[in-house]
Structure formats: structure tokens, C-alpha cells
Amino acid sequence: MKKVTMYSGDPCPYCNAAKALLKSKNVEIEEFDIWKDAAKAKEMLQRTNGARTIPQIFIGDHYVGGNDQLQAANRNGELDKLLKI
């Protein structure tokens, strides 16, 4: 399975929803709290082309987007494909 990176913060219900979905698929998440780590916040902005909302999710080098995009990818079957590649 591909490595999943999530830029998040706490509290964040959207981050929690994304984590719950990924954990239901037994995916290990490398998570960075951008409110506690300014360097990771800057990294997130660079990797996402300026997206400021959280979560921001990457599967391998593929930029998924936020929780809405992750949930949509799960509904249409794309998420499982991305995780297995």
C-alpha cells in the first residue's frame, strides 16, 4: 500500500472523518499538525499550490485534496486504486 500523508490540525472534524475512512481501510497515515509545526504548514502550502484548508491528503505523490475529495474518491472506487498502486 502507498504511503498516505495528511496535513491536519486539532480540533478538525474533517480531519477526523478522513482519518476514520483511511483507518477503516487499514491505512497507516503520516500526519502533520500544521498548527503546531510552522515548517509543515509551509510545506503543505507549497505541495498543494496554496491550499489553506485542512486536511490536505497525499497518497504517495498523488495529491488527493481535502476530506470531500477523499470521500468522493472512496465512493467512486478511485481511492482503493490509488492505495494499491
Protein backbone atom coordinates (compact mmCIF):
# COMPACT_ATOMS: atom_id res chain seq x y z
CA MET A 1 0.00 0.00 0.00
CA LYS A 2 1.15 3.52 -0.76
CA LYS A 3 2.22 5.93 1.94
CA VAL A 4 -0.51 8.39 2.95
CA THR A 5 0.47 11.85 4.17
CA MET A 6 -2.10 14.10 5.82
CA TYR A 7 -1.65 17.70 6.87
CA SER A 8 -4.15 18.33 9.65
CA GLY A 9 -4.87 20.15 12.87
CA ASP A 10 -6.80 19.60 16.07
CA PRO A 11 -9.72 20.06 16.52
CA CYS A 12 -10.83 19.33 12.97
CA PRO A 13 -13.94 17.23 12.24
CA TYR A 14 -12.98 16.94 8.56
CA CYS A 15 -9.55 15.59 9.52
CA ASN A 16 -11.22 13.11 11.86
CA ALA A 17 -13.57 11.94 9.09
CA ALA A 18 -10.65 11.48 6.67
CA LYS A 19 -8.64 9.57 9.29
CA ALA A 20 -11.61 7.34 10.10
CA LEU A 21 -12.07 6.42 6.44
CA LEU A 22 -8.38 5.67 5.95
CA LYS A 23 -8.18 3.66 9.17
CA SER A 24 -11.22 1.62 8.08
CA LYS A 25 -9.07 0.58 5.11
CA ASN A 26 -6.14 -0.26 7.43
CA VAL A 27 -4.06 2.55 6.01
CA GLU A 28 -1.17 3.93 8.01
CA ILE A 29 -1.18 7.73 7.99
CA GLU A 30 1.82 10.00 8.33
CA GLU A 31 0.14 13.02 9.91
CA PHE A 32 1.48 16.53 10.41
CA ASP A 33 -0.31 19.08 12.62
CA ILE A 34 0.20 22.35 10.78
CA TRP A 35 -0.92 24.38 13.81
CA LYS A 36 1.98 23.01 15.83
CA ASP A 37 4.63 22.91 13.10
CA ALA A 38 5.08 26.06 11.01
CA ALA A 39 7.57 24.32 8.70
CA LYS A 40 4.98 21.65 7.84
CA ALA A 41 2.35 24.36 7.27
CA LYS A 42 4.69 26.00 4.76
CA GLU A 43 5.42 22.62 3.16
CA MET A 44 1.67 21.98 2.82
CA LEU A 45 1.15 25.32 1.08
CA GLN A 46 3.94 24.53 -1.37
CA ARG A 47 2.79 20.96 -2.09
CA THR A 48 -0.85 21.96 -2.59
CA ASN A 49 -0.27 25.12 -4.60
CA GLY A 50 -1.57 27.32 -1.79
CA ALA A 51 -4.47 25.32 -0.31
CA ARG A 52 -5.07 26.55 3.23
CA THR A 53 -7.88 24.29 4.45
CA ILE A 54 -7.28 21.07 6.34
CA PRO A 55 -6.95 18.22 5.88
CA GLN A 56 -4.77 18.07 2.79
CA ILE A 57 -4.08 14.49 1.75
CA PHE A 58 -1.48 12.83 -0.45
CA ILE A 59 -1.32 9.18 -1.43
CA GLY A 60 2.26 8.63 -2.46
CA ASP A 61 2.98 11.66 -4.65
CA HIS A 62 -0.65 11.92 -5.80
CA TYR A 63 -2.45 14.96 -4.38
CA VAL A 64 -5.96 13.89 -3.37
CA GLY A 65 -7.11 17.17 -1.82
CA GLY A 66 -9.28 17.51 1.27
CA ASN A 67 -11.80 15.31 3.02
CA ASP A 68 -14.52 15.94 0.41
CA GLN A 69 -12.24 14.74 -2.38
CA LEU A 70 -11.13 11.73 -0.32
CA GLN A 71 -14.73 10.70 0.41
CA ALA A 72 -15.66 11.14 -3.27
CA ALA A 73 -12.68 9.02 -4.33
CA ASN A 74 -13.88 6.33 -1.94
CA ARG A 75 -17.43 6.42 -3.31
CA ASN A 76 -16.32 6.08 -6.94
CA GLY A 77 -13.70 3.38 -6.28
CA GLU A 78 -10.71 5.59 -7.08
CA LEU A 79 -9.38 5.53 -3.50
CA ASP A 80 -8.79 1.77 -3.50
CA LYS A 81 -6.97 2.06 -6.83
CA LEU A 82 -4.77 4.88 -5.51
CA LEU A 83 -3.89 2.96 -2.37
CA LYS A 84 -2.85 -0.17 -4.28
CA ILE A 85 -0.75 1.44 -6.99
